[in-house]
Amino acid sequence: MKDNLGIDVKYDWVVTDTNQAYQTKIRLMLSSGDKMPDVITYRGDMETVNMLIDSGQFTDVGGLIDKYAGDVYKKGMELNPDTLLPVTRDGKVMALPVLDYAYNDDMVLWLRQDWMDKLGLQAPKTLADFENIMDAFVNKDPDGNCKKDTLGLATGFKRYQLVVR
């Protein structure tokens, strides 16, 4: 993100989501009056979402949707105009809803074009092509660091992360 967008990301803390540790950390920060991070991604219960919004530490993001959101996100919002109701306070949109469960039935596969070019690979047309690309990503060092440390596939599910080497 630093190289491409000029954004220097600094993690204040990192936690696994074992036993709802992420939710617990957020709630502890809120209840103790700690300053919250500039950006929080949270997929969970509305009680915690309401606590975040009602903490007064976040700002209206409604104008950002019109200005910066992509067409697919805007289309998802149009499909259900009530999507913003739970995160709206006094006419202000206080959070960006994650539209992945209801609106992303047509999942997209992202492949590193720079790695495919380096390894002389073409976009997959079959499952076998895809498997060959993943194998090449794992075994042919596309990042050029001389280590066998590249993931073939990483994908998220509702509560779990799948990583294939």
N, C-alpha and C. Protein backbone atom coordinates (compact mmCIF):
# COMPACT_ATOMS: atom_id res chain seq x y z
N MET A 1 0.81 -1.18 0.00
CA MET A 1 0.00 0.00 0.00
C MET A 1 0.87 1.26 0.00
N LYS A 2 2.02 1.18 0.61
CA LYS A 2 2.93 2.32 0.64
C LYS A 2 3.41 2.66 -0.77
N ASP A 3 3.83 1.65 -1.51
CA ASP A 3 4.37 1.87 -2.85
C ASP A 3 3.29 2.31 -3.84
N ASN A 4 2.13 1.69 -3.76
CA ASN A 4 1.08 1.95 -4.76
C ASN A 4 0.15 3.10 -4.40
N LEU A 5 -0.13 3.29 -3.11
CA LEU A 5 -1.11 4.29 -2.71
C LEU A 5 -0.55 5.39 -1.82
N GLY A 6 0.71 5.23 -1.38
CA GLY A 6 1.30 6.22 -0.50
C GLY A 6 0.78 6.14 0.92
N ILE A 7 0.19 5.00 1.28
CA ILE A 7 -0.36 4.82 2.62
C ILE A 7 0.59 3.97 3.43
N ASP A 8 1.06 4.50 4.53
CA ASP A 8 1.96 3.77 5.42
C ASP A 8 1.14 3.16 6.54
N VAL A 9 0.87 1.86 6.44
CA VAL A 9 0.04 1.17 7.42
C VAL A 9 0.87 0.79 8.62
N LYS A 10 0.39 1.14 9.79
CA LYS A 10 1.04 0.76 11.04
C LYS A 10 0.02 0.04 11.90
N TYR A 11 0.35 -1.16 12.31
CA TYR A 11 -0.56 -1.95 13.13
C TYR A 11 -0.31 -1.65 14.60
N ASP A 12 -1.34 -1.20 15.30
CA ASP A 12 -1.23 -0.99 16.73
C ASP A 12 -1.24 -2.32 17.47
N TRP A 13 -2.00 -3.27 16.93
CA TRP A 13 -2.08 -4.60 17.51
C TRP A 13 -2.65 -5.56 16.47
N VAL A 14 -2.35 -6.82 16.64
CA VAL A 14 -2.84 -7.88 15.77
C VAL A 14 -3.31 -8.99 16.69
N VAL A 15 -4.44 -9.58 16.37
CA VAL A 15 -4.99 -10.64 17.20
C VAL A 15 -5.66 -11.66 16.29
N THR A 16 -5.60 -12.92 16.64
CA THR A 16 -6.36 -13.94 15.91
C THR A 16 -7.79 -13.87 16.41
N ASP A 17 -8.70 -14.46 15.69
CA ASP A 17 -10.09 -14.39 16.11
C ASP A 17 -10.52 -15.61 16.92
N THR A 18 -9.59 -16.22 17.59
CA THR A 18 -9.93 -17.34 18.47
C THR A 18 -10.77 -16.83 19.63
N ASN A 19 -11.88 -17.49 19.89
CA ASN A 19 -12.77 -17.13 21.00
C ASN A 19 -13.19 -15.66 20.96
N GLN A 20 -13.42 -15.15 19.78
CA GLN A 20 -13.87 -13.77 19.58
C GLN A 20 -12.90 -12.75 20.18
N ALA A 21 -11.61 -13.03 20.07
CA ALA A 21 -10.59 -12.15 20.65
C ALA A 21 -10.62 -10.76 20.03
N TYR A 22 -10.89 -10.67 18.73
CA TYR A 22 -10.94 -9.37 18.06
C TYR A 22 -12.08 -8.52 18.63
N GLN A 23 -13.26 -9.12 18.72
CA GLN A 23 -14.42 -8.42 19.29
C GLN A 23 -14.12 -7.99 20.72
N THR A 24 -13.52 -8.87 21.49
CA THR A 24 -13.20 -8.56 22.89
C THR A 24 -12.21 -7.40 22.97
N LYS A 25 -11.19 -7.41 22.12
CA LYS A 25 -10.19 -6.33 22.12
C LYS A 25 -10.85 -5.00 21.80
N ILE A 26 -11.71 -4.97 20.79
CA ILE A 26 -12.40 -3.74 20.43
C ILE A 26 -13.26 -3.24 21.59
N ARG A 27 -14.02 -4.15 22.20
CA ARG A 27 -14.89 -3.76 23.31
C ARG A 27 -14.09 -3.27 24.51
N LEU A 28 -12.96 -3.90 24.80
CA LEU A 28 -12.12 -3.44 25.89
C LEU A 28 -11.57 -2.04 25.62
N MET A 29 -11.15 -1.80 24.38
CA MET A 29 -10.66 -0.48 24.03
C MET A 29 -11.76 0.57 24.19
N LEU A 30 -12.96 0.24 23.75
CA LEU A 30 -14.08 1.18 23.87
C LEU A 30 -14.42 1.46 25.33
N SER A 31 -14.48 0.39 26.13
CA SER A 31 -14.89 0.58 27.53
C SER A 31 -13.82 1.28 28.36
N SER A 32 -12.56 1.17 27.95
CA SER A 32 -11.49 1.81 28.72
C SER A 32 -11.20 3.23 28.22
N GLY A 33 -11.88 3.62 27.12
CA GLY A 33 -11.67 4.96 26.59
C GLY A 33 -10.42 5.11 25.75
N ASP A 34 -9.80 3.98 25.38
CA ASP A 34 -8.62 4.05 24.51
C ASP A 34 -8.96 4.71 23.18
N LYS A 35 -7.98 5.38 22.59
CA LYS A 35 -8.15 5.94 21.26
C LYS A 35 -8.24 4.77 20.28
N MET A 36 -9.24 4.81 19.43
CA MET A 36 -9.44 3.74 18.47
C MET A 36 -8.55 3.98 17.25
N PRO A 37 -8.21 2.91 16.52
CA PRO A 37 -7.45 3.07 15.27
C PRO A 37 -8.23 3.93 14.27
N ASP A 38 -7.53 4.47 13.29
CA ASP A 38 -8.19 5.30 12.28
C ASP A 38 -9.20 4.49 11.46
N VAL A 39 -8.88 3.23 11.22
CA VAL A 39 -9.75 2.37 10.41
C VAL A 39 -9.95 1.05 11.15
N ILE A 40 -11.18 0.61 11.22
CA ILE A 40 -11.50 -0.69 11.82
C ILE A 40 -12.35 -1.46 10.82
N THR A 41 -11.98 -2.69 10.57
CA THR A 41 -12.82 -3.58 9.79
C THR A 41 -13.45 -4.55 10.78
N TYR A 42 -14.76 -4.59 10.81
CA TYR A 42 -15.43 -5.47 11.77
C TYR A 42 -16.61 -6.14 11.10
N ARG A 43 -16.63 -7.45 11.15
CA ARG A 43 -17.76 -8.24 10.67
C ARG A 43 -18.26 -9.03 11.86
N GLY A 44 -19.30 -8.57 12.44
CA GLY A 44 -19.79 -9.28 13.61
C GLY A 44 -21.11 -8.72 14.08
N ASP A 45 -21.31 -8.84 15.36
CA ASP A 45 -22.60 -8.48 15.95
C ASP A 45 -22.85 -6.98 15.87
N MET A 46 -24.12 -6.63 15.72
CA MET A 46 -24.50 -5.22 15.61
C MET A 46 -24.31 -4.48 16.93
N GLU A 47 -24.33 -5.17 18.04
CA GLU A 47 -24.11 -4.50 19.32
C GLU A 47 -22.72 -3.83 19.34
N THR A 48 -21.71 -4.55 18.89
CA THR A 48 -20.36 -3.97 18.83
C THR A 48 -20.29 -2.87 17.79
N VAL A 49 -20.94 -3.06 16.65
CA VAL A 49 -20.98 -2.01 15.63
C VAL A 49 -21.60 -0.74 16.22
N ASN A 50 -22.70 -0.89 16.93
CA ASN A 50 -23.35 0.26 17.56
C ASN A 50 -22.43 0.92 18.58
N MET A 51 -21.71 0.12 19.34
CA MET A 51 -20.77 0.68 20.32
C MET A 51 -19.69 1.50 19.62
N LEU A 52 -19.18 0.99 18.51
CA LEU A 52 -18.17 1.72 17.74
C LEU A 52 -18.72 3.06 17.24
N ILE A 53 -19.89 3.00 16.63
CA ILE A 53 -20.49 4.21 16.08
C ILE A 53 -20.79 5.21 17.19
N ASP A 54 -21.39 4.73 18.27
CA ASP A 54 -21.82 5.61 19.36
C ASP A 54 -20.67 6.11 20.22
N SER A 55 -19.46 5.61 19.98
CA SER A 55 -18.31 6.06 20.77
C SER A 55 -17.92 7.50 20.45
N GLY A 56 -18.38 8.01 19.31
CA GLY A 56 -18.04 9.38 18.93
C GLY A 56 -16.64 9.52 18.35
N GLN A 57 -15.95 8.41 18.14
CA GLN A 57 -14.57 8.47 17.64
C GLN A 57 -14.48 8.33 16.12
N PHE A 58 -15.62 8.20 15.46
CA PHE A 58 -15.60 7.99 14.02
C PHE A 58 -16.40 9.08 13.32
N THR A 59 -16.22 9.20 12.03
CA THR A 59 -16.79 10.31 11.28
C THR A 59 -17.73 9.82 10.19
N ASP A 60 -18.53 10.71 9.69
CA ASP A 60 -19.46 10.45 8.60
C ASP A 60 -18.67 10.08 7.35
N VAL A 61 -19.00 8.95 6.75
CA VAL A 61 -18.30 8.50 5.54
C VAL A 61 -19.22 8.48 4.32
N GLY A 62 -20.42 9.00 4.48
CA GLY A 62 -21.39 8.97 3.39
C GLY A 62 -20.88 9.59 2.11
N GLY A 63 -20.24 10.75 2.20
CA GLY A 63 -19.71 11.41 1.02
C GLY A 63 -18.61 10.63 0.34
N LEU A 64 -17.90 9.82 1.11
CA LEU A 64 -16.82 9.02 0.55
C LEU A 64 -17.34 7.93 -0.38
N ILE A 65 -18.53 7.42 -0.06
CA ILE A 65 -19.12 6.38 -0.91
C ILE A 65 -19.33 6.94 -2.31
N ASP A 66 -19.99 8.10 -2.38
CA ASP A 66 -20.24 8.71 -3.70
C ASP A 66 -18.95 9.05 -4.42
N LYS A 67 -17.97 9.53 -3.69
CA LYS A 67 -16.73 10.00 -4.30
C LYS A 67 -15.78 8.88 -4.70
N TYR A 68 -15.65 7.84 -3.86
CA TYR A 68 -14.58 6.86 -4.06
C TYR A 68 -15.04 5.42 -4.31
N ALA A 69 -16.24 5.06 -3.95
CA ALA A 69 -16.67 3.66 -4.10
C ALA A 69 -16.73 3.28 -5.57
N GLY A 70 -16.38 2.03 -5.84
CA GLY A 70 -16.44 1.52 -7.21
C GLY A 70 -17.87 1.24 -7.63
N ASP A 71 -18.05 1.06 -8.92
CA ASP A 71 -19.39 0.84 -9.46
C ASP A 71 -20.04 -0.43 -8.91
N VAL A 72 -19.26 -1.48 -8.70
CA VAL A 72 -19.82 -2.73 -8.19
C VAL A 72 -20.35 -2.53 -6.77
N TYR A 73 -19.59 -1.81 -5.94
CA TYR A 73 -20.04 -1.53 -4.57
C TYR A 73 -21.32 -0.69 -4.60
N LYS A 74 -21.34 0.34 -5.42
CA LYS A 74 -22.52 1.19 -5.52
C LYS A 74 -23.73 0.39 -6.01
N LYS A 75 -23.52 -0.51 -6.95
CA LYS A 75 -24.60 -1.36 -7.45
C LYS A 75 -25.14 -2.24 -6.33
N GLY A 76 -24.23 -2.80 -5.53
CA GLY A 76 -24.65 -3.61 -4.38
C GLY A 76 -25.49 -2.80 -3.41
N MET A 77 -25.11 -1.55 -3.20
CA MET A 77 -25.87 -0.68 -2.30
C MET A 77 -27.26 -0.40 -2.88
N GLU A 78 -27.33 -0.23 -4.20
CA GLU A 78 -28.61 0.03 -4.86
C GLU A 78 -29.56 -1.16 -4.77
N LEU A 79 -29.01 -2.37 -4.75
CA LEU A 79 -29.85 -3.56 -4.70
C LEU A 79 -30.68 -3.61 -3.42
N ASN A 80 -30.14 -3.04 -2.35
CA ASN A 80 -30.88 -3.00 -1.09
C ASN A 80 -30.64 -1.65 -0.41
N PRO A 81 -31.51 -0.69 -0.66
CA PRO A 81 -31.32 0.64 -0.10
C PRO A 81 -31.30 0.66 1.44
N ASP A 82 -31.82 -0.37 2.08
CA ASP A 82 -31.84 -0.42 3.54
C ASP A 82 -30.48 -0.80 4.14
N THR A 83 -29.51 -1.12 3.29
CA THR A 83 -28.20 -1.56 3.77
C THR A 83 -27.57 -0.55 4.73
N LEU A 84 -27.77 0.73 4.48
CA LEU A 84 -27.14 1.76 5.30
C LEU A 84 -27.89 2.07 6.59
N LEU A 85 -29.12 1.64 6.70
CA LEU A 85 -29.92 2.00 7.88
C LEU A 85 -29.25 1.65 9.21
N PRO A 86 -28.69 0.44 9.37
CA PRO A 86 -28.10 0.11 10.68
C PRO A 86 -26.86 0.94 11.05
N VAL A 87 -26.23 1.57 10.06
CA VAL A 87 -25.01 2.33 10.35
C VAL A 87 -25.20 3.83 10.16
N THR A 88 -26.44 4.27 10.10
CA THR A 88 -26.76 5.68 9.92
C THR A 88 -27.24 6.27 11.24
N ARG A 89 -26.69 7.43 11.59
CA ARG A 89 -27.08 8.16 12.79
C ARG A 89 -27.35 9.61 12.40
N ASP A 90 -28.52 10.10 12.70
CA ASP A 90 -28.88 11.49 12.41
C ASP A 90 -28.56 11.88 10.97
N GLY A 91 -28.86 10.96 10.05
CA GLY A 91 -28.64 11.22 8.63
C GLY A 91 -27.21 11.05 8.17
N LYS A 92 -26.31 10.69 9.06
CA LYS A 92 -24.90 10.50 8.71
C LYS A 92 -24.58 9.02 8.62
N VAL A 93 -23.87 8.62 7.56
CA VAL A 93 -23.44 7.24 7.39
C VAL A 93 -22.12 7.08 8.13
N MET A 94 -22.13 6.25 9.17
CA MET A 94 -20.98 6.15 10.06
C MET A 94 -20.09 4.94 9.82
N ALA A 95 -20.44 4.11 8.84
CA ALA A 95 -19.63 2.92 8.53
C ALA A 95 -19.93 2.48 7.10
N LEU A 96 -18.99 1.79 6.52
CA LEU A 96 -19.17 1.22 5.19
C LEU A 96 -19.57 -0.24 5.34
N PRO A 97 -20.78 -0.59 4.96
CA PRO A 97 -21.19 -1.99 5.06
C PRO A 97 -20.35 -2.89 4.16
N VAL A 98 -20.05 -4.08 4.64
CA VAL A 98 -19.36 -5.08 3.84
C VAL A 98 -20.44 -5.86 3.11
N LEU A 99 -20.41 -5.82 1.81
CA LEU A 99 -21.48 -6.40 1.00
C LEU A 99 -21.11 -7.76 0.44
N ASP A 100 -20.45 -8.58 1.21
CA ASP A 100 -19.97 -9.83 0.60
C ASP A 100 -20.91 -11.00 0.74
N TYR A 101 -21.73 -11.07 1.74
CA TYR A 101 -22.54 -12.26 1.91
C TYR A 101 -23.72 -12.29 0.96
N ALA A 102 -24.38 -11.18 0.77
CA ALA A 102 -25.58 -11.18 -0.05
C ALA A 102 -25.30 -10.87 -1.52
N TYR A 103 -24.22 -10.13 -1.80
CA TYR A 103 -24.08 -9.59 -3.13
C TYR A 103 -22.88 -10.11 -3.91
N ASN A 104 -22.10 -10.98 -3.36
CA ASN A 104 -20.91 -11.45 -4.07
C ASN A 104 -21.04 -12.89 -4.50
N ASP A 105 -22.14 -13.25 -5.08
CA ASP A 105 -22.28 -14.62 -5.57
C ASP A 105 -21.36 -14.89 -6.76
N ASP A 106 -20.97 -13.86 -7.46
CA ASP A 106 -20.06 -14.03 -8.58
C ASP A 106 -18.64 -13.68 -8.11
N MET A 107 -18.03 -14.61 -7.40
CA MET A 107 -16.71 -14.38 -6.81
C MET A 107 -15.66 -14.13 -7.89
N VAL A 108 -14.69 -13.33 -7.55
CA VAL A 108 -13.62 -12.97 -8.48
C VAL A 108 -12.32 -13.60 -8.00
N LEU A 109 -11.55 -14.12 -8.92
CA LEU A 109 -10.24 -14.67 -8.61
C LEU A 109 -9.19 -13.66 -9.04
N TRP A 110 -8.33 -13.29 -8.10
CA TRP A 110 -7.26 -12.34 -8.41
C TRP A 110 -5.96 -13.12 -8.54
N LEU A 111 -5.25 -12.92 -9.65
CA LEU A 111 -3.96 -13.55 -9.87
C LEU A 111 -2.92 -12.46 -10.08
N ARG A 112 -1.74 -12.67 -9.55
CA ARG A 112 -0.65 -11.70 -9.69
C ARG A 112 -0.12 -11.74 -11.12
N GLN A 113 -0.46 -10.73 -11.90
CA GLN A 113 -0.02 -10.68 -13.29
C GLN A 113 1.50 -10.58 -13.38
N ASP A 114 2.12 -9.82 -12.48
CA ASP A 114 3.58 -9.69 -12.52
C ASP A 114 4.25 -11.04 -12.31
N TRP A 115 3.69 -11.87 -11.42
CA TRP A 115 4.25 -13.20 -11.20
C TRP A 115 3.99 -14.10 -12.41
N MET A 116 2.79 -14.00 -12.97
CA MET A 116 2.48 -14.83 -14.14
C MET A 116 3.40 -14.46 -15.30
N ASP A 117 3.66 -13.16 -15.50
CA ASP A 117 4.58 -12.73 -16.56
C ASP A 117 5.98 -13.26 -16.30
N LYS A 118 6.45 -13.15 -15.07
CA LYS A 118 7.79 -13.61 -14.72
C LYS A 118 7.95 -15.10 -14.99
N LEU A 119 6.88 -15.87 -14.74
CA LEU A 119 6.94 -17.32 -14.90
C LEU A 119 6.44 -17.78 -16.28
N GLY A 120 6.09 -16.84 -17.15
CA GLY A 120 5.63 -17.18 -18.49
C GLY A 120 4.29 -17.89 -18.51
N LEU A 121 3.39 -17.50 -17.61
CA LEU A 121 2.09 -18.15 -17.49
C LEU A 121 0.98 -17.30 -18.10
N GLN A 122 -0.02 -17.97 -18.61
CA GLN A 122 -1.21 -17.31 -19.16
C GLN A 122 -2.38 -17.45 -18.17
N ALA A 123 -3.38 -16.62 -18.33
CA ALA A 123 -4.57 -16.71 -17.49
C ALA A 123 -5.20 -18.09 -17.65
N PRO A 124 -5.70 -18.67 -16.56
CA PRO A 124 -6.24 -20.03 -16.65
C PRO A 124 -7.57 -20.08 -17.41
N LYS A 125 -7.72 -21.17 -18.15
CA LYS A 125 -8.98 -21.42 -18.85
C LYS A 125 -9.68 -22.65 -18.26
N THR A 126 -8.91 -23.46 -17.56
CA THR A 126 -9.47 -24.68 -16.96
C THR A 126 -8.98 -24.78 -15.51
N LEU A 127 -9.57 -25.68 -14.77
CA LEU A 127 -9.14 -25.92 -13.40
C LEU A 127 -7.70 -26.43 -13.39
N ALA A 128 -7.34 -27.25 -14.36
CA ALA A 128 -5.96 -27.75 -14.45
C ALA A 128 -4.98 -26.59 -14.67
N ASP A 129 -5.35 -25.62 -15.51
CA ASP A 129 -4.50 -24.43 -15.71
C ASP A 129 -4.31 -23.70 -14.38
N PHE A 130 -5.39 -23.53 -13.64
CA PHE A 130 -5.33 -22.85 -12.36
C PHE A 130 -4.42 -23.60 -11.38
N GLU A 131 -4.56 -24.91 -11.33
CA GLU A 131 -3.71 -25.72 -10.45
C GLU A 131 -2.24 -25.58 -10.84
N ASN A 132 -1.95 -25.53 -12.13
CA ASN A 132 -0.56 -25.34 -12.58
C ASN A 132 -0.02 -23.97 -12.16
N ILE A 133 -0.84 -22.94 -12.23
CA ILE A 133 -0.41 -21.61 -11.80
C ILE A 133 -0.11 -21.61 -10.31
N MET A 134 -0.99 -22.21 -9.52
CA MET A 134 -0.78 -22.25 -8.08
C MET A 134 0.49 -23.03 -7.74
N ASP A 135 0.72 -24.12 -8.45
CA ASP A 135 1.94 -24.90 -8.24
C ASP A 135 3.17 -24.07 -8.59
N ALA A 136 3.11 -23.34 -9.69
CA ALA A 136 4.24 -22.49 -10.10
C ALA A 136 4.47 -21.38 -9.08
N PHE A 137 3.41 -20.79 -8.55
CA PHE A 137 3.55 -19.75 -7.54
C PHE A 137 4.26 -20.29 -6.30
N VAL A 138 3.93 -21.51 -5.91
CA VAL A 138 4.53 -22.11 -4.71
C VAL A 138 5.97 -22.56 -4.97
N ASN A 139 6.23 -23.14 -6.13
CA ASN A 139 7.50 -23.83 -6.33
C ASN A 139 8.53 -23.12 -7.22
N LYS A 140 8.17 -22.06 -7.91
CA LYS A 140 9.11 -21.44 -8.85
C LYS A 140 9.52 -20.02 -8.46
N ASP A 141 9.32 -19.65 -7.21
CA ASP A 141 9.83 -18.40 -6.65
C ASP A 141 9.47 -17.15 -7.46
N PRO A 142 8.16 -16.89 -7.65
CA PRO A 142 7.78 -15.74 -8.47
C PRO A 142 8.15 -14.39 -7.86
N ASP A 143 8.33 -14.33 -6.54
CA ASP A 143 8.70 -13.06 -5.93
C ASP A 143 10.21 -12.83 -5.94
N GLY A 144 10.98 -13.84 -6.38
CA GLY A 144 12.41 -13.69 -6.58
C GLY A 144 13.24 -13.54 -5.32
N ASN A 145 12.75 -14.04 -4.19
CA ASN A 145 13.53 -13.88 -2.95
C ASN A 145 14.33 -15.14 -2.60
N CYS A 146 14.37 -16.10 -3.53
CA CYS A 146 15.14 -17.34 -3.36
C CYS A 146 14.68 -18.15 -2.15
N LYS A 147 13.42 -18.02 -1.78
CA LYS A 147 12.86 -18.81 -0.68
C LYS A 147 11.55 -19.44 -1.15
N LYS A 148 11.28 -20.63 -0.65
CA LYS A 148 10.02 -21.28 -0.98
C LYS A 148 8.99 -20.84 0.07
N ASP A 149 8.52 -19.59 -0.07
CA ASP A 149 7.63 -19.02 0.93
C ASP A 149 6.39 -18.36 0.32
N THR A 150 6.14 -18.63 -0.95
CA THR A 150 5.02 -18.00 -1.64
C THR A 150 3.78 -18.86 -1.52
N LEU A 151 2.66 -18.20 -1.21
CA LEU A 151 1.39 -18.91 -1.11
C LEU A 151 0.81 -19.14 -2.49
N GLY A 152 0.24 -20.32 -2.68
CA GLY A 152 -0.42 -20.62 -3.95
C GLY A 152 -1.80 -20.01 -4.00
N LEU A 153 -2.49 -20.01 -2.86
CA LEU A 153 -3.86 -19.52 -2.83
C LEU A 153 -4.19 -19.12 -1.40
N ALA A 154 -4.80 -17.98 -1.25
CA ALA A 154 -5.33 -17.56 0.05
C ALA A 154 -6.73 -17.06 -0.18
N THR A 155 -7.67 -17.53 0.57
CA THR A 155 -9.06 -17.13 0.41
C THR A 155 -9.75 -17.10 1.76
N GLY A 156 -10.73 -16.27 1.89
CA GLY A 156 -11.45 -16.15 3.14
C GLY A 156 -12.84 -16.76 3.05
N PHE A 157 -13.27 -17.29 4.14
CA PHE A 157 -14.63 -17.77 4.28
C PHE A 157 -15.27 -17.00 5.43
N LYS A 158 -16.48 -17.34 5.78
CA LYS A 158 -17.20 -16.56 6.79
C LYS A 158 -16.38 -16.36 8.05
N ARG A 159 -15.78 -17.41 8.58
CA ARG A 159 -15.03 -17.27 9.83
C ARG A 159 -13.61 -17.81 9.75
N TYR A 160 -13.21 -18.35 8.61
CA TYR A 160 -11.91 -18.99 8.53
C TYR A 160 -11.15 -18.52 7.30
N GLN A 161 -9.86 -18.68 7.35
CA GLN A 161 -8.97 -18.33 6.23
C GLN A 161 -8.36 -19.62 5.71
N LEU A 162 -8.38 -19.81 4.41
CA LEU A 162 -7.77 -20.98 3.79
C LEU A 162 -6.51 -20.53 3.06
N VAL A 163 -5.40 -21.17 3.36
CA VAL A 163 -4.14 -20.88 2.68
C VAL A 163 -3.61 -22.19 2.13
N VAL A 164 -3.26 -22.20 0.84
CA VAL A 164 -2.77 -23.40 0.19
C VAL A 164 -1.34 -23.17 -0.25
N ARG A 165 -0.45 -24.05 0.17
CA ARG A 165 0.95 -23.99 -0.26
C ARG A 165 1.21 -25.15 -1.19
